[in-house]
């Protein structure tokens, strides 16, 4: 099957966004895909903020994007846009780092006022980076995500059904794209 790079753009180690992205990784793995997690917050801040393209961690992250057939991008929404941490990484990637890749944009936030951030803030950047196919993304309200006592993610049932449909749509698009013969 395909290789999926699963990126969390949250600056928090206890983030609902990161937990959501890792939860969805399991669904992709169950469909037979190899999933490589990348938490942007683990990259060196000095490399991200100093735009150090040659830093080994940045070069390694860039190589992960090159290796992936598909990319899941998860971000919390702050002030109607994706996280600055995610922006820092995207700014360091080559201009067309997403060329030929299927991409699933996801966002979390505290208010429905930010629901359009996926389509109006994140999607244009992903398209400008050459994404072959950007599948319909999804915005999840923070109140629909909770951490269970065992550390797993508890998702409000209706939200869980929507997310399953979105992830399955991404997986199907990814599977179709990897089955097409190379030109």
N, C-alpha and C. Protein backbone atom coordinates (compact mmCIF):
# COMPACT_ATOMS: atom_id res chain seq x y z
N UNK A 1 0.82 -1.18 0.00
CA UNK A 1 0.00 0.00 0.00
C UNK A 1 0.88 1.25 0.00
N UNK A 2 0.32 2.34 0.45
CA UNK A 2 1.00 3.63 0.37
C UNK A 2 1.68 3.99 1.68
N UNK A 3 2.62 4.92 1.56
CA UNK A 3 3.28 5.51 2.72
C UNK A 3 2.63 6.86 2.99
N UNK A 4 2.19 7.05 4.24
CA UNK A 4 1.51 8.28 4.64
C UNK A 4 2.35 8.98 5.70
N UNK A 5 2.66 10.24 5.46
CA UNK A 5 3.30 11.08 6.47
C UNK A 5 2.19 11.79 7.21
N UNK A 6 2.13 11.60 8.51
CA UNK A 6 1.06 12.15 9.34
C UNK A 6 1.65 13.24 10.22
N UNK A 7 1.33 14.49 9.88
CA UNK A 7 1.96 15.66 10.49
C UNK A 7 1.02 16.34 11.48
N UNK A 8 1.51 16.52 12.71
CA UNK A 8 0.78 17.32 13.69
C UNK A 8 1.50 18.65 13.84
N UNK A 9 0.78 19.73 13.57
CA UNK A 9 1.35 21.07 13.67
C UNK A 9 1.05 21.75 14.99
N UNK A 10 0.74 20.97 16.02
CA UNK A 10 0.43 21.55 17.32
C UNK A 10 1.69 21.77 18.14
N UNK A 11 1.80 22.90 18.82
CA UNK A 11 2.96 23.15 19.67
C UNK A 11 2.87 22.46 21.04
N UNK A 12 1.74 21.84 21.36
CA UNK A 12 1.53 21.25 22.68
C UNK A 12 1.70 19.74 22.67
N UNK A 13 2.42 19.23 23.67
CA UNK A 13 2.60 17.79 23.80
C UNK A 13 1.29 17.09 24.17
N UNK A 14 0.39 17.78 24.87
CA UNK A 14 -0.88 17.20 25.30
C UNK A 14 -2.03 17.65 24.40
N UNK A 15 -1.73 17.93 23.17
CA UNK A 15 -2.67 18.51 22.22
C UNK A 15 -3.77 17.55 21.79
N UNK A 16 -4.99 18.07 21.69
CA UNK A 16 -6.09 17.30 21.11
C UNK A 16 -5.83 17.07 19.63
N UNK A 17 -5.21 18.05 18.98
CA UNK A 17 -4.89 17.90 17.55
C UNK A 17 -3.96 16.71 17.34
N UNK A 18 -2.88 16.65 18.11
CA UNK A 18 -1.93 15.55 17.97
C UNK A 18 -2.60 14.21 18.27
N UNK A 19 -3.40 14.17 19.32
CA UNK A 19 -4.11 12.93 19.66
C UNK A 19 -5.06 12.52 18.53
N UNK A 20 -5.74 13.49 17.94
CA UNK A 20 -6.65 13.21 16.83
C UNK A 20 -5.88 12.63 15.64
N UNK A 21 -4.80 13.27 15.28
CA UNK A 21 -4.02 12.80 14.12
C UNK A 21 -3.50 11.40 14.38
N UNK A 22 -2.99 11.14 15.58
CA UNK A 22 -2.48 9.79 15.90
C UNK A 22 -3.61 8.76 15.93
N UNK A 23 -4.78 9.17 16.37
CA UNK A 23 -5.95 8.29 16.36
C UNK A 23 -6.30 7.88 14.91
N UNK A 24 -6.26 8.86 14.02
CA UNK A 24 -6.59 8.58 12.62
C UNK A 24 -5.50 7.75 11.93
N UNK A 25 -4.27 7.86 12.44
CA UNK A 25 -3.18 7.02 11.92
C UNK A 25 -3.54 5.54 12.02
N UNK A 26 -4.17 5.18 13.13
CA UNK A 26 -4.54 3.78 13.35
C UNK A 26 -5.52 3.29 12.28
N UNK A 27 -6.44 4.14 11.88
CA UNK A 27 -7.40 3.75 10.83
C UNK A 27 -6.68 3.55 9.50
N UNK A 28 -5.71 4.41 9.20
CA UNK A 28 -4.95 4.26 7.96
C UNK A 28 -4.07 3.01 8.01
N UNK A 29 -3.48 2.74 9.16
CA UNK A 29 -2.67 1.54 9.32
C UNK A 29 -3.52 0.29 9.14
N UNK A 30 -4.74 0.31 9.68
CA UNK A 30 -5.66 -0.82 9.54
C UNK A 30 -6.02 -1.08 8.08
N UNK A 31 -5.95 -0.05 7.25
CA UNK A 31 -6.22 -0.21 5.82
C UNK A 31 -4.97 -0.68 5.06
N UNK A 32 -3.87 -0.90 5.79
CA UNK A 32 -2.67 -1.45 5.18
C UNK A 32 -1.61 -0.44 4.80
N UNK A 33 -1.80 0.82 5.15
CA UNK A 33 -0.83 1.84 4.81
C UNK A 33 0.28 1.93 5.87
N UNK A 34 1.46 2.27 5.43
CA UNK A 34 2.55 2.56 6.36
C UNK A 34 2.40 4.03 6.77
N UNK A 35 2.29 4.28 8.06
CA UNK A 35 2.10 5.65 8.56
C UNK A 35 3.34 6.07 9.33
N UNK A 36 3.88 7.21 8.94
CA UNK A 36 5.04 7.79 9.62
C UNK A 36 4.58 9.06 10.33
N UNK A 37 4.61 9.06 11.67
CA UNK A 37 4.19 10.26 12.40
C UNK A 37 5.29 11.31 12.46
N UNK A 38 4.88 12.57 12.35
CA UNK A 38 5.81 13.68 12.50
C UNK A 38 5.13 14.75 13.33
N UNK A 39 5.62 14.97 14.54
CA UNK A 39 5.15 16.05 15.39
C UNK A 39 6.11 17.21 15.20
N UNK A 40 5.65 18.26 14.56
CA UNK A 40 6.53 19.39 14.23
C UNK A 40 7.17 19.97 15.49
N UNK A 41 6.46 19.91 16.64
CA UNK A 41 7.00 20.47 17.88
C UNK A 41 8.29 19.78 18.33
N UNK A 42 8.58 18.59 17.79
CA UNK A 42 9.81 17.89 18.17
C UNK A 42 11.03 18.35 17.35
N UNK A 43 10.79 19.14 16.31
CA UNK A 43 11.91 19.66 15.52
C UNK A 43 12.56 20.81 16.28
N UNK A 44 13.85 21.02 16.12
CA UNK A 44 14.53 22.09 16.86
C UNK A 44 13.99 23.48 16.52
N UNK A 45 13.59 24.19 17.57
CA UNK A 45 13.02 25.54 17.38
C UNK A 45 14.00 26.46 16.67
N UNK A 46 15.28 26.36 17.00
CA UNK A 46 16.25 27.26 16.37
C UNK A 46 16.35 27.02 14.87
N UNK A 47 16.17 25.76 14.45
CA UNK A 47 16.20 25.45 13.01
C UNK A 47 14.95 25.99 12.32
N UNK A 48 13.78 25.81 12.97
CA UNK A 48 12.53 26.29 12.38
C UNK A 48 12.49 27.81 12.31
N UNK A 49 12.80 28.45 13.43
CA UNK A 49 12.70 29.92 13.48
C UNK A 49 13.83 30.62 12.77
N UNK A 50 14.98 29.96 12.68
CA UNK A 50 16.12 30.54 11.99
C UNK A 50 16.19 30.17 10.52
N UNK A 51 15.15 29.47 10.04
CA UNK A 51 15.10 29.05 8.63
C UNK A 51 16.38 28.35 8.20
N UNK A 52 16.80 27.38 9.02
CA UNK A 52 18.02 26.63 8.76
C UNK A 52 17.71 25.42 7.89
N UNK A 53 17.66 25.66 6.58
CA UNK A 53 17.33 24.61 5.61
C UNK A 53 18.30 23.43 5.68
N UNK A 54 19.54 23.69 6.09
CA UNK A 54 20.55 22.64 6.12
C UNK A 54 20.61 21.86 7.42
N UNK A 55 19.83 22.24 8.41
CA UNK A 55 19.86 21.53 9.69
C UNK A 55 19.46 20.07 9.45
N UNK A 56 20.17 19.13 10.06
CA UNK A 56 19.87 17.71 9.83
C UNK A 56 18.41 17.33 10.10
N UNK A 57 17.79 17.90 11.13
CA UNK A 57 16.40 17.57 11.43
C UNK A 57 15.45 18.10 10.35
N UNK A 58 15.76 19.24 9.79
CA UNK A 58 14.93 19.81 8.72
C UNK A 58 15.13 19.00 7.44
N UNK A 59 16.36 18.62 7.17
CA UNK A 59 16.62 17.78 5.99
C UNK A 59 15.92 16.42 6.14
N UNK A 60 15.91 15.88 7.35
CA UNK A 60 15.23 14.60 7.58
C UNK A 60 13.72 14.75 7.40
N UNK A 61 13.15 15.83 7.90
CA UNK A 61 11.72 16.08 7.72
C UNK A 61 11.39 16.24 6.23
N UNK A 62 12.23 16.95 5.51
CA UNK A 62 12.03 17.12 4.06
C UNK A 62 12.06 15.76 3.36
N UNK A 63 12.97 14.90 3.78
CA UNK A 63 13.06 13.56 3.19
C UNK A 63 11.80 12.75 3.47
N UNK A 64 11.19 12.94 4.63
CA UNK A 64 9.94 12.24 4.93
C UNK A 64 8.83 12.67 3.97
N UNK A 65 8.77 13.95 3.65
CA UNK A 65 7.78 14.43 2.68
C UNK A 65 8.06 13.82 1.31
N UNK A 66 9.33 13.74 0.93
CA UNK A 66 9.69 13.17 -0.38
C UNK A 66 9.31 11.69 -0.47
N UNK A 67 9.41 11.00 0.65
CA UNK A 67 9.15 9.56 0.69
C UNK A 67 7.65 9.24 0.66
N UNK A 68 6.83 10.15 1.13
CA UNK A 68 5.40 9.89 1.31
C UNK A 68 4.62 9.91 0.00
N UNK A 69 3.64 9.02 -0.07
CA UNK A 69 2.67 9.05 -1.16
C UNK A 69 1.51 9.98 -0.81
N UNK A 70 1.21 10.05 0.48
CA UNK A 70 0.14 10.89 0.97
C UNK A 70 0.56 11.58 2.26
N UNK A 71 -0.10 12.70 2.56
CA UNK A 71 0.24 13.48 3.75
C UNK A 71 -1.05 13.89 4.45
N UNK A 72 -1.10 13.62 5.75
CA UNK A 72 -2.16 14.13 6.60
C UNK A 72 -1.56 15.33 7.33
N UNK A 73 -2.23 16.46 7.26
CA UNK A 73 -1.78 17.67 7.94
C UNK A 73 -2.82 18.05 8.97
N UNK A 74 -2.47 17.96 10.25
CA UNK A 74 -3.37 18.35 11.32
C UNK A 74 -2.84 19.57 12.04
N UNK A 75 -3.73 20.51 12.33
CA UNK A 75 -3.31 21.75 12.99
C UNK A 75 -4.41 22.29 13.89
N UNK A 76 -4.01 22.86 15.00
CA UNK A 76 -5.00 23.66 15.73
C UNK A 76 -5.17 24.97 14.98
N UNK A 77 -6.32 25.60 15.17
CA UNK A 77 -6.57 26.89 14.53
C UNK A 77 -6.42 27.98 15.58
N UNK A 78 -5.58 28.95 15.26
CA UNK A 78 -5.37 30.12 16.09
C UNK A 78 -5.65 31.35 15.23
N UNK A 79 -6.50 32.22 15.68
CA UNK A 79 -6.82 33.46 14.97
C UNK A 79 -7.16 33.19 13.50
N UNK A 80 -7.99 32.19 13.29
CA UNK A 80 -8.53 31.82 11.98
C UNK A 80 -7.49 31.30 10.99
N UNK A 81 -6.37 30.80 11.49
CA UNK A 81 -5.34 30.25 10.59
C UNK A 81 -4.66 29.04 11.24
N UNK A 82 -3.92 28.31 10.44
CA UNK A 82 -3.18 27.16 10.95
C UNK A 82 -2.04 27.66 11.85
N UNK A 83 -1.46 26.76 12.61
CA UNK A 83 -0.47 27.16 13.61
C UNK A 83 0.80 27.74 12.98
N UNK A 84 1.41 28.66 13.69
CA UNK A 84 2.68 29.23 13.26
C UNK A 84 3.77 28.18 13.21
N UNK A 85 3.68 27.19 14.08
CA UNK A 85 4.65 26.10 14.08
C UNK A 85 4.59 25.33 12.76
N UNK A 86 3.38 25.03 12.32
CA UNK A 86 3.22 24.35 11.03
C UNK A 86 3.72 25.24 9.90
N UNK A 87 3.40 26.52 9.95
CA UNK A 87 3.87 27.45 8.92
C UNK A 87 5.39 27.46 8.84
N UNK A 88 6.04 27.43 10.00
CA UNK A 88 7.51 27.43 10.03
C UNK A 88 8.07 26.24 9.26
N UNK A 89 7.46 25.07 9.45
CA UNK A 89 7.93 23.89 8.72
C UNK A 89 7.62 24.00 7.24
N UNK A 90 6.38 24.35 6.90
CA UNK A 90 6.00 24.44 5.48
C UNK A 90 6.88 25.44 4.74
N UNK A 91 7.28 26.53 5.41
CA UNK A 91 8.15 27.52 4.79
C UNK A 91 9.54 26.98 4.47
N UNK A 92 9.96 25.94 5.20
CA UNK A 92 11.30 25.38 4.98
C UNK A 92 11.31 24.25 3.95
N UNK A 93 10.16 23.79 3.56
CA UNK A 93 10.10 22.72 2.56
C UNK A 93 10.29 23.31 1.17
N UNK A 94 10.75 22.50 0.22
CA UNK A 94 10.84 22.98 -1.16
C UNK A 94 9.48 23.46 -1.66
N UNK A 95 9.48 24.40 -2.58
CA UNK A 95 8.24 25.01 -3.09
C UNK A 95 7.21 23.97 -3.50
N UNK A 96 7.62 22.91 -4.14
CA UNK A 96 6.68 21.91 -4.64
C UNK A 96 6.83 20.59 -3.91
N UNK A 97 6.98 20.65 -2.60
CA UNK A 97 7.20 19.46 -1.77
C UNK A 97 6.01 18.50 -1.78
N UNK A 98 4.84 18.97 -2.16
CA UNK A 98 3.66 18.10 -2.15
C UNK A 98 3.25 17.63 -3.55
N UNK A 99 4.08 17.92 -4.54
CA UNK A 99 3.77 17.50 -5.90
C UNK A 99 3.59 15.99 -5.97
N UNK A 100 2.48 15.58 -6.57
CA UNK A 100 2.20 14.17 -6.76
C UNK A 100 1.62 13.49 -5.53
N UNK A 101 1.35 14.23 -4.47
CA UNK A 101 0.87 13.63 -3.24
C UNK A 101 -0.61 13.92 -3.02
N UNK A 102 -1.26 12.98 -2.37
CA UNK A 102 -2.63 13.16 -1.92
C UNK A 102 -2.54 13.71 -0.50
N UNK A 103 -3.33 14.75 -0.20
CA UNK A 103 -3.22 15.43 1.09
C UNK A 103 -4.59 15.52 1.76
N UNK A 104 -4.60 15.27 3.07
CA UNK A 104 -5.80 15.42 3.89
C UNK A 104 -5.55 16.51 4.93
N UNK A 105 -6.24 17.65 4.82
CA UNK A 105 -6.11 18.71 5.82
C UNK A 105 -7.13 18.54 6.94
N UNK A 106 -6.67 18.65 8.19
CA UNK A 106 -7.53 18.57 9.37
C UNK A 106 -7.22 19.73 10.28
N UNK A 107 -8.24 20.21 10.99
CA UNK A 107 -8.02 21.29 11.95
C UNK A 107 -8.91 21.09 13.17
N UNK A 108 -8.43 21.59 14.29
CA UNK A 108 -9.22 21.60 15.51
C UNK A 108 -9.28 23.03 16.02
N UNK A 109 -10.36 23.34 16.73
CA UNK A 109 -10.47 24.68 17.28
C UNK A 109 -11.62 24.77 18.25
N UNK A 110 -11.66 25.86 18.97
CA UNK A 110 -12.64 26.05 20.02
C UNK A 110 -13.95 26.64 19.58
N UNK A 111 -14.06 27.09 18.35
CA UNK A 111 -15.26 27.78 17.91
C UNK A 111 -15.56 27.49 16.45
N UNK A 112 -16.85 27.40 16.14
CA UNK A 112 -17.24 27.21 14.74
C UNK A 112 -16.89 28.42 13.88
N UNK A 113 -16.51 29.52 14.52
CA UNK A 113 -16.08 30.70 13.76
C UNK A 113 -14.83 30.40 12.94
N UNK A 114 -14.12 29.32 13.28
CA UNK A 114 -12.87 28.97 12.59
C UNK A 114 -13.03 27.82 11.59
N UNK A 115 -14.24 27.39 11.37
CA UNK A 115 -14.47 26.21 10.53
C UNK A 115 -13.92 26.37 9.11
N UNK A 116 -13.89 27.57 8.59
CA UNK A 116 -13.40 27.77 7.22
C UNK A 116 -11.88 27.86 7.11
N UNK A 117 -11.20 27.77 8.23
CA UNK A 117 -9.73 27.84 8.20
C UNK A 117 -9.13 26.73 7.34
N UNK A 118 -9.76 25.57 7.31
CA UNK A 118 -9.26 24.46 6.48
C UNK A 118 -9.25 24.89 5.01
N UNK A 119 -10.35 25.45 4.55
CA UNK A 119 -10.47 25.78 3.13
C UNK A 119 -9.86 27.11 2.73
N UNK A 120 -9.84 28.07 3.65
CA UNK A 120 -9.37 29.41 3.28
C UNK A 120 -7.97 29.75 3.77
N UNK A 121 -7.44 28.99 4.71
CA UNK A 121 -6.07 29.25 5.19
C UNK A 121 -5.13 28.13 4.79
N UNK A 122 -5.53 26.88 5.08
CA UNK A 122 -4.61 25.75 4.86
C UNK A 122 -4.61 25.24 3.42
N UNK A 123 -5.77 25.02 2.86
CA UNK A 123 -5.87 24.44 1.50
C UNK A 123 -5.08 25.24 0.44
N UNK A 124 -5.14 26.58 0.41
CA UNK A 124 -4.37 27.31 -0.61
C UNK A 124 -2.86 27.09 -0.49
N UNK A 125 -2.36 26.98 0.72
CA UNK A 125 -0.92 26.75 0.90
C UNK A 125 -0.55 25.36 0.39
N UNK A 126 -1.37 24.37 0.72
CA UNK A 126 -1.10 23.01 0.25
C UNK A 126 -1.16 22.94 -1.27
N UNK A 127 -2.11 23.63 -1.87
CA UNK A 127 -2.21 23.66 -3.33
C UNK A 127 -1.00 24.34 -3.94
N UNK A 128 -0.54 25.42 -3.32
CA UNK A 128 0.61 26.14 -3.87
C UNK A 128 1.88 25.31 -3.79
N UNK A 129 1.86 24.30 -2.93
CA UNK A 129 3.02 23.42 -2.79
C UNK A 129 2.92 22.21 -3.71
N UNK A 130 1.93 22.22 -4.62
CA UNK A 130 1.85 21.21 -5.67
C UNK A 130 1.07 19.96 -5.33
N UNK A 131 0.29 19.97 -4.24
CA UNK A 131 -0.47 18.77 -3.89
C UNK A 131 -1.28 18.28 -5.09
N UNK A 132 -1.13 17.03 -5.40
CA UNK A 132 -1.83 16.41 -6.54
C UNK A 132 -3.34 16.41 -6.31
N UNK A 133 -3.73 16.00 -5.12
CA UNK A 133 -5.14 15.89 -4.79
C UNK A 133 -5.31 16.23 -3.31
N UNK A 134 -6.07 17.27 -3.02
CA UNK A 134 -6.37 17.63 -1.64
C UNK A 134 -7.79 17.16 -1.38
N UNK A 135 -7.91 16.13 -0.56
CA UNK A 135 -9.23 15.58 -0.28
C UNK A 135 -10.00 16.51 0.65
N UNK A 136 -11.32 16.35 0.71
CA UNK A 136 -12.08 17.19 1.64
C UNK A 136 -11.54 17.02 3.06
N UNK A 137 -11.25 18.13 3.69
CA UNK A 137 -10.72 18.09 5.04
C UNK A 137 -11.84 18.16 6.06
N UNK A 138 -11.46 18.33 7.31
CA UNK A 138 -12.47 18.39 8.35
C UNK A 138 -11.99 19.27 9.49
N UNK A 139 -12.92 20.00 10.08
CA UNK A 139 -12.67 20.82 11.26
C UNK A 139 -13.40 20.17 12.42
N UNK A 140 -12.70 19.98 13.54
CA UNK A 140 -13.28 19.35 14.72
C UNK A 140 -13.25 20.34 15.87
N UNK A 141 -14.40 20.52 16.49
CA UNK A 141 -14.47 21.37 17.68
C UNK A 141 -13.76 20.68 18.85
N UNK A 142 -12.99 21.44 19.59
CA UNK A 142 -12.27 20.90 20.74
C UNK A 142 -13.21 20.16 21.69
N UNK A 143 -14.41 20.69 21.88
CA UNK A 143 -15.34 20.08 22.84
C UNK A 143 -15.81 18.69 22.40
N UNK A 144 -15.55 18.31 21.15
CA UNK A 144 -15.91 16.98 20.67
C UNK A 144 -14.78 15.97 20.84
N UNK A 145 -13.68 16.40 21.44
CA UNK A 145 -12.52 15.54 21.68
C UNK A 145 -12.19 15.56 23.17
N UNK A 146 -12.00 14.39 23.74
CA UNK A 146 -11.62 14.30 25.15
C UNK A 146 -10.60 13.17 25.32
N UNK A 147 -9.75 13.32 26.30
CA UNK A 147 -8.78 12.28 26.59
C UNK A 147 -9.36 11.36 27.65
N UNK A 148 -9.47 10.09 27.31
CA UNK A 148 -10.00 9.09 28.24
C UNK A 148 -8.96 8.83 29.33
N UNK A 149 -9.37 8.25 30.46
CA UNK A 149 -8.44 7.96 31.55
C UNK A 149 -7.23 7.11 31.13
N UNK A 150 -7.43 6.24 30.13
CA UNK A 150 -6.31 5.40 29.68
C UNK A 150 -5.41 6.11 28.66
N UNK A 151 -5.69 7.40 28.37
CA UNK A 151 -4.86 8.17 27.45
C UNK A 151 -5.33 8.14 26.01
N UNK A 152 -6.31 7.31 25.71
CA UNK A 152 -6.82 7.25 24.33
C UNK A 152 -7.74 8.45 24.09
N UNK A 153 -8.06 8.65 22.84
CA UNK A 153 -8.92 9.76 22.46
C UNK A 153 -10.37 9.32 22.43
N UNK A 154 -11.22 10.09 23.06
CA UNK A 154 -12.65 9.85 23.05
C UNK A 154 -13.27 10.92 22.15
N UNK A 155 -13.88 10.49 21.05
CA UNK A 155 -14.45 11.41 20.07
C UNK A 155 -15.97 11.32 20.12
N UNK A 156 -16.62 12.46 20.14
CA UNK A 156 -18.08 12.52 20.12
C UNK A 156 -18.55 11.66 18.94
N UNK A 157 -19.57 10.79 19.13
CA UNK A 157 -19.95 9.81 18.10
C UNK A 157 -20.23 10.37 16.71
N UNK A 158 -20.97 11.46 16.59
CA UNK A 158 -21.26 12.00 15.26
C UNK A 158 -19.98 12.51 14.59
N UNK A 159 -19.13 13.15 15.37
CA UNK A 159 -17.84 13.63 14.85
C UNK A 159 -17.00 12.44 14.41
N UNK A 160 -17.01 11.37 15.19
CA UNK A 160 -16.24 10.16 14.83
C UNK A 160 -16.70 9.60 13.49
N UNK A 161 -18.02 9.60 13.26
CA UNK A 161 -18.53 9.09 11.98
C UNK A 161 -18.07 9.96 10.81
N UNK A 162 -18.11 11.28 11.00
CA UNK A 162 -17.64 12.18 9.94
C UNK A 162 -16.15 11.96 9.68
N UNK A 163 -15.38 11.84 10.73
CA UNK A 163 -13.94 11.63 10.56
C UNK A 163 -13.62 10.31 9.86
N UNK A 164 -14.36 9.27 10.19
CA UNK A 164 -14.16 7.99 9.51
C UNK A 164 -14.39 8.14 8.01
N UNK A 165 -15.45 8.85 7.65
CA UNK A 165 -15.77 9.06 6.23
C UNK A 165 -14.66 9.87 5.53
N UNK A 166 -14.18 10.91 6.21
CA UNK A 166 -13.13 11.76 5.64
C UNK A 166 -11.83 10.96 5.46
N UNK A 167 -11.45 10.21 6.48
CA UNK A 167 -10.21 9.42 6.41
C UNK A 167 -10.34 8.31 5.38
N UNK A 168 -11.49 7.66 5.33
CA UNK A 168 -11.69 6.62 4.32
C UNK A 168 -11.66 7.20 2.91
N UNK A 169 -12.20 8.40 2.73
CA UNK A 169 -12.13 9.06 1.43
C UNK A 169 -10.69 9.37 1.04
N UNK A 170 -9.90 9.85 2.00
CA UNK A 170 -8.47 10.10 1.76
C UNK A 170 -7.77 8.80 1.39
N UNK A 171 -8.03 7.74 2.17
CA UNK A 171 -7.37 6.46 1.91
C UNK A 171 -7.75 5.92 0.53
N UNK A 172 -9.01 6.05 0.16
CA UNK A 172 -9.42 5.58 -1.17
C UNK A 172 -8.75 6.37 -2.28
N UNK A 173 -8.68 7.70 -2.13
CA UNK A 173 -8.01 8.53 -3.12
C UNK A 173 -6.52 8.18 -3.20
N UNK A 174 -5.93 7.93 -2.07
CA UNK A 174 -4.52 7.55 -2.01
C UNK A 174 -4.29 6.20 -2.70
N UNK A 175 -5.17 5.28 -2.42
CA UNK A 175 -5.06 3.94 -3.04
C UNK A 175 -5.21 4.03 -4.55
N UNK A 176 -6.16 4.85 -5.02
CA UNK A 176 -6.34 5.02 -6.48
C UNK A 176 -5.09 5.63 -7.10
N UNK A 177 -4.51 6.63 -6.42
CA UNK A 177 -3.35 7.31 -7.00
C UNK A 177 -2.12 6.41 -7.02
N UNK A 178 -1.98 5.53 -6.04
CA UNK A 178 -0.79 4.65 -6.03
C UNK A 178 -0.97 3.46 -6.97
N UNK A 179 -2.21 3.19 -7.41
CA UNK A 179 -2.44 2.10 -8.36
C UNK A 179 -2.24 2.53 -9.79
N UNK A 180 -2.26 3.85 -10.04
CA UNK A 180 -2.07 4.35 -11.39
C UNK A 180 -0.63 4.14 -11.83
N UNK A 181 -0.43 3.65 -13.04
CA UNK A 181 0.94 3.46 -13.52
C UNK A 181 1.67 4.77 -13.67
N UNK A 182 2.97 4.73 -13.42
CA UNK A 182 3.80 5.95 -13.56
C UNK A 182 3.84 6.38 -15.01
N UNK A 183 3.84 7.68 -15.24
CA UNK A 183 3.85 8.21 -16.61
C UNK A 183 5.24 8.14 -17.20
